[in-house]
Amino acid sequence: MDFRIIKTPSPGTIDILMHRKGSPSSVRPDNIDAVGLVQGKLIEMVVASDIAEKTVGVTVEDIRGSCPQNMIMLAIFGDTASVEAAIRAIMDDAEERRREGR
């Protein structure tokens, strides 16, 4: 999986993400302090979404890939500390699975 955090995303970046979202709008662009981006296999994205949503203060959206049915990236919206905590939790889970050989 690949991970990135954008702190104080630009309006253009928010526009790109809002355009590529695969779900109805649940995020208000004017309240976004940070965006965490996670990219990987579909199964990894579903697990990552579950982990992130269990982190307080974030909203997770699927970001469409080359076709509407192809989810390969998540955008995690929230305040900077919450987005960082969500990304950290996803990375910790991925590392634990790697150590266990799963």
PDB file of N, CA and C in Angstrom:
ATOM      1  N   MET A   1       0.846  -1.185   0.000  1.00  0.00           N
ATOM      2  CA  MET A   1       0.000   0.000   0.000  1.00  0.00           C
ATOM      3  C   MET A   1       0.885   1.238   0.000  1.00  0.00           C
ATOM      4  N   ASP A   2       0.362   2.283  -0.607  1.00  0.00           N
ATOM      5  CA  ASP A   2       1.029   3.581  -0.604  1.00  0.00           C
ATOM      6  C   ASP A   2       0.205   4.544   0.238  1.00  0.00           C
ATOM      7  N   PHE A   3       0.901   5.433   0.960  1.00  0.00           N
ATOM      8  CA  PHE A   3       0.259   6.378   1.858  1.00  0.00           C
ATOM      9  C   PHE A   3       0.793   7.781   1.627  1.00  0.00           C
ATOM     10  N   ARG A   4      -0.079   8.766   1.700  1.00  0.00           N
ATOM     11  CA  ARG A   4       0.313  10.177   1.646  1.00  0.00           C
ATOM     12  C   ARG A   4      -0.673  10.971   2.497  1.00  0.00           C
ATOM     13  N   ILE A   5      -0.194  12.048   3.088  1.00  0.00           N
ATOM     14  CA  ILE A   5      -1.072  12.971   3.809  1.00  0.00           C
ATOM     15  C   ILE A   5      -0.875  14.353   3.210  1.00  0.00           C
ATOM     16  N   ILE A   6      -1.973  15.008   2.899  1.00  0.00           N
ATOM     17  CA  ILE A   6      -1.928  16.387   2.418  1.00  0.00           C
ATOM     18  C   ILE A   6      -2.511  17.267   3.519  1.00  0.00           C
ATOM     19  N   LYS A   7      -1.679  18.112   4.081  1.00  0.00           N
ATOM     20  CA  LYS A   7      -2.137  19.044   5.104  1.00  0.00           C
ATOM     21  C   LYS A   7      -2.572  20.334   4.417  1.00  0.00           C
ATOM     22  N   THR A   8      -3.697  20.866   4.812  1.00  0.00           N
ATOM     23  CA  THR A   8      -4.284  22.064   4.222  1.00  0.00           C
ATOM     24  C   THR A   8      -4.332  21.937   2.698  1.00  0.00           C
ATOM     25  N   PRO A   9      -5.118  20.988   2.198  1.00  0.00           N
ATOM     26  CA  PRO A   9      -5.181  20.781   0.744  1.00  0.00           C
ATOM     27  C   PRO A   9      -5.720  22.008   0.009  1.00  0.00           C
ATOM     28  N   SER A  10      -5.211  22.223  -1.187  1.00  0.00           N
ATOM     29  CA  SER A  10      -5.639  23.360  -2.003  1.00  0.00           C
ATOM     30  C   SER A  10      -7.058  23.134  -2.517  1.00  0.00           C
ATOM     31  N   PRO A  11      -7.754  24.205  -2.884  1.00  0.00           N
ATOM     32  CA  PRO A  11      -9.104  24.048  -3.452  1.00  0.00           C
ATOM     33  C   PRO A  11      -9.120  23.151  -4.689  1.00  0.00           C
ATOM     34  N   GLY A  12      -8.095  23.232  -5.518  1.00  0.00           N
ATOM     35  CA  GLY A  12      -8.031  22.389  -6.711  1.00  0.00           C
ATOM     36  C   GLY A  12      -7.911  20.908  -6.363  1.00  0.00           C
ATOM     37  N   THR A  13      -7.139  20.603  -5.342  1.00  0.00           N
ATOM     38  CA  THR A  13      -6.996  19.217  -4.894  1.00  0.00           C
ATOM     39  C   THR A  13      -8.325  18.687  -4.375  1.00  0.00           C
ATOM     40  N   ILE A  14      -9.019  19.499  -3.591  1.00  0.00           N
ATOM     41  CA  ILE A  14     -10.336  19.110  -3.080  1.00  0.00           C
ATOM     42  C   ILE A  14     -11.305  18.884  -4.243  1.00  0.00           C
ATOM     43  N   ASP A  15     -11.265  19.759  -5.251  1.00  0.00           N
ATOM     44  CA  ASP A  15     -12.129  19.596  -6.425  1.00  0.00           C
ATOM     45  C   ASP A  15     -11.879  18.264  -7.125  1.00  0.00           C
ATOM     46  N   ILE A  16     -10.605  17.902  -7.294  1.00  0.00           N
ATOM     47  CA  ILE A  16     -10.262  16.631  -7.938  1.00  0.00           C
ATOM     48  C   ILE A  16     -10.853  15.470  -7.153  1.00  0.00           C
ATOM     49  N   LEU A  17     -10.654  15.473  -5.847  1.00  0.00           N
ATOM     50  CA  LEU A  17     -11.159  14.380  -5.020  1.00  0.00           C
ATOM     51  C   LEU A  17     -12.681  14.317  -5.014  1.00  0.00           C
ATOM     52  N   MET A  18     -13.341  15.481  -4.930  1.00  0.00           N
ATOM     53  CA  MET A  18     -14.803  15.499  -4.924  1.00  0.00           C
ATOM     54  C   MET A  18     -15.352  14.970  -6.258  1.00  0.00           C
ATOM     55  N   HIS A  19     -14.657  15.276  -7.351  1.00  0.00           N
ATOM     56  CA  HIS A  19     -15.075  14.807  -8.674  1.00  0.00           C
ATOM     57  C   HIS A  19     -14.909  13.288  -8.811  1.00  0.00           C
ATOM     58  N   ARG A  20     -13.882  12.724  -8.181  1.00  0.00           N
ATOM     59  CA  ARG A  20     -13.560  11.305  -8.332  1.00  0.00           C
ATOM     60  C   ARG A  20     -14.209  10.417  -7.274  1.00  0.00           C
ATOM     61  N   LYS A  21     -14.922  11.003  -6.312  1.00  0.00           N
ATOM     62  CA  LYS A  21     -15.543  10.202  -5.263  1.00  0.00           C
ATOM     63  C   LYS A  21     -16.567   9.248  -5.848  1.00  0.00           C
ATOM     64  N   GLY A  22     -16.630   8.062  -5.268  1.00  0.00           N
ATOM     65  CA  GLY A  22     -17.577   7.075  -5.744  1.00  0.00           C
ATOM     66  C   GLY A  22     -18.859   7.031  -4.940  1.00  0.00           C
ATOM     67  N   SER A  23     -18.989   7.904  -3.937  1.00  0.00           N
ATOM     68  CA  SER A  23     -20.178   7.892  -3.090  1.00  0.00           C
ATOM     69  C   SER A  23     -20.788   9.289  -3.035  1.00  0.00           C
ATOM     70  N   PRO A  24     -22.055   9.365  -2.643  1.00  0.00           N
ATOM     71  CA  PRO A  24     -22.673  10.695  -2.506  1.00  0.00           C
ATOM     72  C   PRO A  24     -21.897  11.541  -1.499  1.00  0.00           C
ATOM     73  N   SER A  25     -22.015  12.834  -1.618  1.00  0.00           N
ATOM     74  CA  SER A  25     -21.227  13.737  -0.782  1.00  0.00           C
ATOM     75  C   SER A  25     -21.562  13.596   0.694  1.00  0.00           C
ATOM     76  N   SER A  26     -20.562  13.260   1.486  1.00  0.00           N
ATOM     77  CA  SER A  26     -20.703  13.243   2.935  1.00  0.00           C
ATOM     78  C   SER A  26     -19.659  14.137   3.582  1.00  0.00           C
ATOM     79  N   VAL A  27     -18.851  14.777   2.753  1.00  0.00           N
ATOM     80  CA  VAL A  27     -17.793  15.662   3.229  1.00  0.00           C
ATOM     81  C   VAL A  27     -18.077  17.064   2.744  1.00  0.00           C
ATOM     82  N   ARG A  28     -17.942  18.026   3.644  1.00  0.00           N
ATOM     83  CA  ARG A  28     -18.077  19.422   3.240  1.00  0.00           C
ATOM     84  C   ARG A  28     -16.684  19.977   2.971  1.00  0.00           C
ATOM     85  N   PRO A  29     -16.385  20.363   1.735  1.00  0.00           N
ATOM     86  CA  PRO A  29     -15.040  20.811   1.384  1.00  0.00           C
ATOM     87  C   PRO A  29     -14.495  21.954   2.231  1.00  0.00           C
ATOM     88  N   ASP A  30     -15.356  22.790   2.803  1.00  0.00           N
ATOM     89  CA  ASP A  30     -14.854  23.920   3.593  1.00  0.00           C
ATOM     90  C   ASP A  30     -14.372  23.498   4.975  1.00  0.00           C
ATOM     91  N   ASN A  31     -14.606  22.255   5.385  1.00  0.00           N
ATOM     92  CA  ASN A  31     -14.193  21.774   6.706  1.00  0.00           C
ATOM     93  C   ASN A  31     -13.037  20.784   6.643  1.00  0.00           C
ATOM     94  N   ILE A  32     -12.261  20.779   5.590  1.00  0.00           N
ATOM     95  CA  ILE A  32     -11.199  19.790   5.421  1.00  0.00           C
ATOM     96  C   ILE A  32      -9.856  20.415   5.795  1.00  0.00           C
ATOM     97  N   ASP A  33      -9.273  19.910   6.898  1.00  0.00           N
ATOM     98  CA  ASP A  33      -7.949  20.368   7.325  1.00  0.00           C
ATOM     99  C   ASP A  33      -6.838  19.524   6.707  1.00  0.00           C
ATOM    100  N   ALA A  34      -7.141  18.228   6.481  1.00  0.00           N
ATOM    101  CA  ALA A  34      -6.135  17.315   5.941  1.00  0.00           C
ATOM    102  C   ALA A  34      -6.840  16.193   5.191  1.00  0.00           C
ATOM    103  N   VAL A  35      -6.096  15.608   4.255  1.00  0.00           N
ATOM    104  CA  VAL A  35      -6.587  14.450   3.501  1.00  0.00           C
ATOM    105  C   VAL A  35      -5.491  13.395   3.528  1.00  0.00           C
ATOM    106  N   GLY A  36      -5.866  12.206   3.967  1.00  0.00           N
ATOM    107  CA  GLY A  36      -4.963  11.063   3.882  1.00  0.00           C
ATOM    108  C   GLY A  36      -5.337  10.265   2.656  1.00  0.00           C
ATOM    109  N   LEU A  37      -4.363   9.866   1.875  1.00  0.00           N
ATOM    110  CA  LEU A  37      -4.606   9.059   0.684  1.00  0.00           C
ATOM    111  C   LEU A  37      -3.952   7.701   0.882  1.00  0.00           C
ATOM    112  N   VAL A  38      -4.716   6.650   0.618  1.00  0.00           N
ATOM    113  CA  VAL A  38      -4.222   5.281   0.745  1.00  0.00           C
ATOM    114  C   VAL A  38      -4.560   4.574  -0.551  1.00  0.00           C
ATOM    115  N   GLN A  39      -3.566   3.943  -1.163  1.00  0.00           N
ATOM    116  CA  GLN A  39      -3.776   3.267  -2.437  1.00  0.00           C
ATOM    117  C   GLN A  39      -3.274   1.838  -2.324  1.00  0.00           C
ATOM    118  N   GLY A  40      -4.052   0.911  -2.874  1.00  0.00           N
ATOM    119  CA  GLY A  40      -3.652  -0.491  -2.849  1.00  0.00           C
ATOM    120  C   GLY A  40      -4.689  -1.378  -3.489  1.00  0.00           C
ATOM    121  N   LYS A  41      -4.630  -2.662  -3.153  1.00  0.00           N
ATOM    122  CA  LYS A  41      -5.583  -3.639  -3.671  1.00  0.00           C
ATOM    123  C   LYS A  41      -6.942  -3.413  -3.035  1.00  0.00           C
ATOM    124  N   LEU A  42      -7.988  -3.854  -3.718  1.00  0.00           N
ATOM    125  CA  LEU A  42      -9.353  -3.662  -3.230  1.00  0.00           C
ATOM    126  C   LEU A  42      -9.538  -4.215  -1.823  1.00  0.00           C
ATOM    127  N   ILE A  43      -9.060  -5.418  -1.568  1.00  0.00           N
ATOM    128  CA  ILE A  43      -9.232  -6.009  -0.245  1.00  0.00           C
ATOM    129  C   ILE A  43      -8.539  -5.167   0.823  1.00  0.00           C
ATOM    130  N   GLU A  44      -7.368  -4.635   0.499  1.00  0.00           N
ATOM    131  CA  GLU A  44      -6.649  -3.769   1.433  1.00  0.00           C
ATOM    132  C   GLU A  44      -7.416  -2.477   1.690  1.00  0.00           C
ATOM    133  N   MET A  45      -8.070  -1.953   0.653  1.00  0.00           N
ATOM    134  CA  MET A  45      -8.801  -0.695   0.799  1.00  0.00           C
ATOM    135  C   MET A  45     -10.046  -0.865   1.674  1.00  0.00           C
ATOM    136  N   VAL A  46     -10.709  -2.009   1.569  1.00  0.00           N
ATOM    137  CA  VAL A  46     -11.885  -2.254   2.400  1.00  0.00           C
ATOM    138  C   VAL A  46     -11.460  -2.359   3.865  1.00  0.00           C
ATOM    139  N   VAL A  47     -10.392  -3.097   4.141  1.00  0.00           N
ATOM    140  CA  VAL A  47      -9.890  -3.211   5.514  1.00  0.00           C
ATOM    141  C   VAL A  47      -9.405  -1.850   6.015  1.00  0.00           C
ATOM    142  N   ALA A  48      -8.686  -1.114   5.177  1.00  0.00           N
ATOM    143  CA  ALA A  48      -8.193   0.208   5.570  1.00  0.00           C
ATOM    144  C   ALA A  48      -9.342   1.166   5.877  1.00  0.00           C
ATOM    145  N   SER A  49     -10.413   1.077   5.098  1.00  0.00           N
ATOM    146  CA  SER A  49     -11.582   1.921   5.336  1.00  0.00           C
ATOM    147  C   SER A  49     -12.179   1.627   6.708  1.00  0.00           C
ATOM    148  N   ASP A  50     -12.305   0.355   7.038  1.00  0.00           N
ATOM    149  CA  ASP A  50     -12.850  -0.032   8.336  1.00  0.00           C
ATOM    150  C   ASP A  50     -11.983   0.491   9.476  1.00  0.00           C
ATOM    151  N   ILE A  51     -10.679   0.330   9.347  1.00  0.00           N
ATOM    152  CA  ILE A  51      -9.757   0.817  10.380  1.00  0.00           C
ATOM    153  C   ILE A  51      -9.865   2.326  10.515  1.00  0.00           C
ATOM    154  N   ALA A  52      -9.853   3.039   9.392  1.00  0.00           N
ATOM    155  CA  ALA A  52      -9.898   4.507   9.428  1.00  0.00           C
ATOM    156  C   ALA A  52     -11.204   5.013  10.026  1.00  0.00           C
ATOM    157  N   GLU A  53     -12.333   4.408   9.644  1.00  0.00           N
ATOM    158  CA  GLU A  53     -13.620   4.875  10.156  1.00  0.00           C
ATOM    159  C   GLU A  53     -13.770   4.644  11.647  1.00  0.00           C
ATOM    160  N   LYS A  54     -13.024   3.703  12.192  1.00  0.00           N
ATOM    161  CA  LYS A  54     -13.042   3.470  13.640  1.00  0.00           C
ATOM    162  C   LYS A  54     -12.156   4.465  14.378  1.00  0.00           C
ATOM    163  N   THR A  55     -11.428   5.293  13.620  1.00  0.00           N
ATOM    164  CA  THR A  55     -10.628   6.365  14.198  1.00  0.00           C
ATOM    165  C   THR A  55     -11.527   7.589  14.315  1.00  0.00           C
ATOM    166  N   VAL A  56     -11.514   8.213  15.463  1.00  0.00           N
ATOM    167  CA  VAL A  56     -12.404   9.357  15.723  1.00  0.00           C
ATOM    168  C   VAL A  56     -12.062  10.529  14.820  1.00  0.00           C
ATOM    169  N   GLY A  57     -13.106  11.165  14.281  1.00  0.00           N
ATOM    170  CA  GLY A  57     -12.937  12.428  13.576  1.00  0.00           C
ATOM    171  C   GLY A  57     -12.575  12.368  12.113  1.00  0.00           C
ATOM    172  N   VAL A  58     -12.745  11.210  11.459  1.00  0.00           N
ATOM    173  CA  VAL A  58     -12.435  11.146  10.030  1.00  0.00           C
ATOM    174  C   VAL A  58     -13.644  10.639   9.253  1.00  0.00           C
ATOM    175  N   THR A  59     -13.667  11.003   7.990  1.00  0.00           N
ATOM    176  CA  THR A  59     -14.649  10.500   7.036  1.00  0.00           C
ATOM    177  C   THR A  59     -13.867   9.856   5.908  1.00  0.00           C
ATOM    178  N   VAL A  60     -14.276   8.663   5.507  1.00  0.00           N
ATOM    179  CA  VAL A  60     -13.572   7.928   4.461  1.00  0.00           C
ATOM    180  C   VAL A  60     -14.434   7.899   3.200  1.00  0.00           C
ATOM    181  N   GLU A  61     -13.817   8.187   2.080  1.00  0.00           N
ATOM    182  CA  GLU A  61     -14.492   8.146   0.778  1.00  0.00           C
ATOM    183  C   GLU A  61     -13.671   7.284  -0.171  1.00  0.00           C
ATOM    184  N   ASP A  62     -14.353   6.477  -0.991  1.00  0.00           N
ATOM    185  CA  ASP A  62     -13.635   5.742  -2.025  1.00  0.00           C
ATOM    186  C   ASP A  62     -13.405   6.679  -3.204  1.00  0.00           C
ATOM    187  N   ILE A  63     -12.251   6.551  -3.802  1.00  0.00           N
ATOM    188  CA  ILE A  63     -11.883   7.374  -4.950  1.00  0.00           C
ATOM    189  C   ILE A  63     -11.819   6.447  -6.158  1.00  0.00           C
ATOM    190  N   ARG A  64     -12.629   6.772  -7.160  1.00  0.00           N
ATOM    191  CA  ARG A  64     -12.729   5.907  -8.337  1.00  0.00           C
ATOM    192  C   ARG A  64     -11.418   5.833  -9.104  1.00  0.00           C
ATOM    193  N   GLY A  65     -11.158   4.645  -9.600  1.00  0.00           N
ATOM    194  CA  GLY A  65      -9.994   4.419 -10.442  1.00  0.00           C
ATOM    195  C   GLY A  65     -10.344   4.660 -11.896  1.00  0.00           C
ATOM    196  N   SER A  66      -9.912   3.751 -12.765  1.00  0.00           N
ATOM    197  CA  SER A  66     -10.108   3.935 -14.200  1.00  0.00           C
ATOM    198  C   SER A  66     -11.553   3.729 -14.640  1.00  0.00           C
ATOM    199  N   CYS A  67     -12.356   3.083 -13.816  1.00  0.00           N
ATOM    200  CA  CYS A  67     -13.785   2.958 -14.105  1.00  0.00           C
ATOM    201  C   CYS A  67     -14.540   3.079 -12.777  1.00  0.00           C
ATOM    202  N   PRO A  68     -15.795   3.415 -12.797  1.00  0.00           N
ATOM    203  CA  PRO A  68     -16.524   3.647 -11.543  1.00  0.00           C
ATOM    204  C   PRO A  68     -16.521   2.458 -10.577  1.00  0.00           C
ATOM    205  N   GLN A  69     -16.404   1.242 -11.075  1.00  0.00           N
ATOM    206  CA  GLN A  69     -16.426   0.072 -10.204  1.00  0.00           C
ATOM    207  C   GLN A  69     -15.061  -0.256  -9.615  1.00  0.00           C
ATOM    208  N   ASN A  70     -14.023   0.468  -9.968  1.00  0.00           N
ATOM    209  CA  ASN A  70     -12.655   0.135  -9.602  1.00  0.00           C
ATOM    210  C   ASN A  70     -12.170   1.042  -8.476  1.00  0.00           C
ATOM    211  N   MET A  71     -12.339   0.601  -7.219  1.00  0.00           N
ATOM    212  CA  MET A  71     -11.858   1.379  -6.080  1.00  0.00           C
ATOM    213  C   MET A  71     -10.431   0.938  -5.768  1.00  0.00           C
ATOM    214  N   ILE A  72      -9.498   1.830  -5.929  1.00  0.00           N
ATOM    215  CA  ILE A  72      -8.113   1.500  -5.610  1.00  0.00           C
ATOM    216  C   ILE A  72      -7.499   2.504  -4.650  1.00  0.00           C
ATOM    217  N   MET A  73      -8.242   3.551  -4.301  1.00  0.00           N
ATOM    218  CA  MET A  73      -7.702   4.557  -3.399  1.00  0.00           C
ATOM    219  C   MET A  73      -8.790   5.062  -2.468  1.00  0.00           C
ATOM    220  N   LEU A  74      -8.386   5.357  -1.237  1.00  0.00           N
ATOM    221  CA  LEU A  74      -9.271   5.977  -0.260  1.00  0.00           C
ATOM    222  C   LEU A  74      -8.782   7.376   0.027  1.00  0.00           C
ATOM    223  N   ALA A  75      -9.710   8.271   0.267  1.00  0.00           N
ATOM    224  CA  ALA A  75      -9.393   9.598   0.786  1.00  0.00           C
ATOM    225  C   ALA A  75      -9.983   9.651   2.188  1.00  0.00           C
ATOM    226  N   ILE A  76      -9.143  10.008   3.140  1.00  0.00           N
ATOM    227  CA  ILE A  76      -9.547  10.102   4.544  1.00  0.00           C
ATOM    228  C   ILE A  76      -9.530  11.571   4.908  1.00  0.00           C
ATOM    229  N   PHE A  77     -10.704  12.127   5.197  1.00  0.00           N
ATOM    230  CA  PHE A  77     -10.849  13.556   5.471  1.00  0.00           C
ATOM    231  C   PHE A  77     -11.013  13.789   6.965  1.00  0.00           C
ATOM    232  N   GLY A  78     -10.421  14.860   7.452  1.00  0.00           N
ATOM    233  CA  GLY A  78     -10.600  15.225   8.854  1.00  0.00           C
ATOM    234  C   GLY A  78      -9.578  16.246   9.277  1.00  0.00           C
ATOM    235  N   ASP A  79      -9.493  16.453  10.598  1.00  0.00           N
ATOM    236  CA  ASP A  79      -8.449  17.351  11.091  1.00  0.00           C
ATOM    237  C   ASP A  79      -7.118  16.604  10.998  1.00  0.00           C
ATOM    238  N   THR A  80      -6.041  17.343  11.018  1.00  0.00           N
ATOM    239  CA  THR A  80      -4.716  16.766  10.774  1.00  0.00           C
ATOM    240  C   THR A  80      -4.386  15.629  11.739  1.00  0.00           C
ATOM    241  N   ALA A  81      -4.615  15.828  13.027  1.00  0.00           N
ATOM    242  CA  ALA A  81      -4.277  14.799  14.010  1.00  0.00           C
ATOM    243  C   ALA A  81      -5.080  13.519  13.785  1.00  0.00           C
ATOM    244  N   SER A  82      -6.361  13.648  13.465  1.00  0.00           N
ATOM    245  CA  SER A  82      -7.200  12.467  13.235  1.00  0.00           C
ATOM    246  C   SER A  82      -6.794  11.728  11.971  1.00  0.00           C
ATOM    247  N   VAL A  83      -6.496  12.465  10.908  1.00  0.00           N
ATOM    248  CA  VAL A  83      -6.048  11.827   9.656  1.00  0.00           C
ATOM    249  C   VAL A  83      -4.721  11.105   9.885  1.00  0.00           C
ATOM    250  N   GLU A  84      -3.803  11.743  10.593  1.00  0.00           N
ATOM    251  CA  GLU A  84      -2.520  11.103  10.891  1.00  0.00           C
ATOM    252  C   GLU A  84      -2.722   9.837  11.724  1.00  0.00           C
ATOM    253  N   ALA A  85      -3.631   9.887  12.702  1.00  0.00           N
ATOM    254  CA  ALA A  85      -3.906   8.711  13.534  1.00  0.00           C
ATOM    255  C   ALA A  85      -4.506   7.579  12.696  1.00  0.00           C
ATOM    256  N   ALA A  86      -5.404   7.910  11.770  1.00  0.00           N
ATOM    257  CA  ALA A  86      -6.014   6.896  10.915  1.00  0.00           C
ATOM    258  C   ALA A  86      -4.966   6.241  10.017  1.00  0.00           C
ATOM    259  N   ILE A  87      -4.116   7.050   9.404  1.00  0.00           N
ATOM    260  CA  ILE A  87      -3.054   6.513   8.537  1.00  0.00           C
ATOM    261  C   ILE A  87      -2.109   5.635   9.350  1.00  0.00           C
ATOM    262  N   ARG A  88      -1.737   6.091  10.540  1.00  0.00           N
ATOM    263  CA  ARG A  88      -0.856   5.316  11.409  1.00  0.00           C
ATOM    264  C   ARG A  88      -1.489   3.957  11.760  1.00  0.00           C
ATOM    265  N   ALA A  89      -2.789   3.954  12.074  1.00  0.00           N
ATOM    266  CA  ALA A  89      -3.479   2.704  12.409  1.00  0.00           C
ATOM    267  C   ALA A  89      -3.502   1.751  11.218  1.00  0.00           C
ATOM    268  N   ILE A  90      -3.721   2.270  10.026  1.00  0.00           N
ATOM    269  CA  ILE A  90      -3.719   1.434   8.817  1.00  0.00           C
ATOM    270  C   ILE A  90      -2.323   0.865   8.575  1.00  0.00           C
ATOM    271  N   MET A  91      -1.305   1.703   8.719  1.00  0.00           N
ATOM    272  CA  MET A  91       0.076   1.251   8.511  1.00  0.00           C
ATOM    273  C   MET A  91       0.461   0.191   9.545  1.00  0.00           C
ATOM    274  N   ASP A  92       0.048   0.382  10.798  1.00  0.00           N
ATOM    275  CA  ASP A  92       0.350  -0.596  11.847  1.00  0.00           C
ATOM    276  C   ASP A  92      -0.294  -1.941  11.537  1.00  0.00           C
ATOM    277  N   ASP A  93      -1.551  -1.916  11.071  1.00  0.00           N
ATOM    278  CA  ASP A  93      -2.245  -3.146  10.711  1.00  0.00           C
ATOM    279  C   ASP A  93      -1.547  -3.842   9.550  1.00  0.00           C
ATOM    280  N   ALA A  94      -1.147  -3.077   8.535  1.00  0.00           N
ATOM    281  CA  ALA A  94      -0.452  -3.656   7.374  1.00  0.00           C
ATOM    282  C   ALA A  94       0.873  -4.286   7.800  1.00  0.00           C
ATOM    283  N   GLU A  95       1.597  -3.619   8.692  1.00  0.00           N
ATOM    284  CA  GLU A  95       2.875  -4.149   9.169  1.00  0.00           C
ATOM    285  C   GLU A  95       2.656  -5.430   9.981  1.00  0.00           C
ATOM    286  N   GLU A  96       1.630  -5.454  10.809  1.00  0.00           N
ATOM    287  CA  GLU A  96       1.315  -6.654  11.597  1.00  0.00           C
ATOM    288  C   GLU A  96       0.968  -7.824  10.680  1.00  0.00           C
ATOM    289  N   ARG A  97       0.178  -7.560   9.652  1.00  0.00           N
ATOM    290  CA  ARG A  97      -0.175  -8.623   8.704  1.00  0.00           C
ATOM    291  C   ARG A  97       1.062  -9.119   7.952  1.00  0.00           C
ATOM    292  N   ARG A  98       1.948  -8.202   7.589  1.00  0.00           N
ATOM    293  CA  ARG A  98       3.181  -8.590   6.893  1.00  0.00           C
ATOM    294  C   ARG A  98       4.043  -9.492   7.782  1.00  0.00           C
ATOM    295  N   ARG A  99       4.179  -9.119   9.059  1.00  0.00           N
ATOM    296  CA  ARG A  99       4.983  -9.931   9.992  1.00  0.00           C
ATOM    297  C   ARG A  99       4.394 -11.330  10.180  1.00  0.00           C
ATOM    298  N   GLU A 100       3.073 -11.417  10.171  1.00  0.00           N
ATOM    299  CA  GLU A 100       2.391 -12.695  10.360  1.00  0.00           C
ATOM    300  C   GLU A 100       2.321 -13.506   9.077  1.00  0.00           C
ATOM    301  N   GLY A 101       2.742 -12.917   7.959  1.00  0.00           N
ATOM    302  CA  GLY A 101       2.726 -13.617   6.677  1.00  0.00           C
ATOM    303  C   GLY A 101       1.350 -13.686   6.032  1.00  0.00           C
ATOM    304  N   ARG A 102       0.452 -12.776   6.404  1.00  0.00           N
ATOM    305  CA  ARG A 102      -0.892 -12.764   5.812  1.00  0.00           C
ATOM    306  C   ARG A 102      -0.954 -11.784   4.690  1.00  0.00           C
TER     307      ARG A 102
END
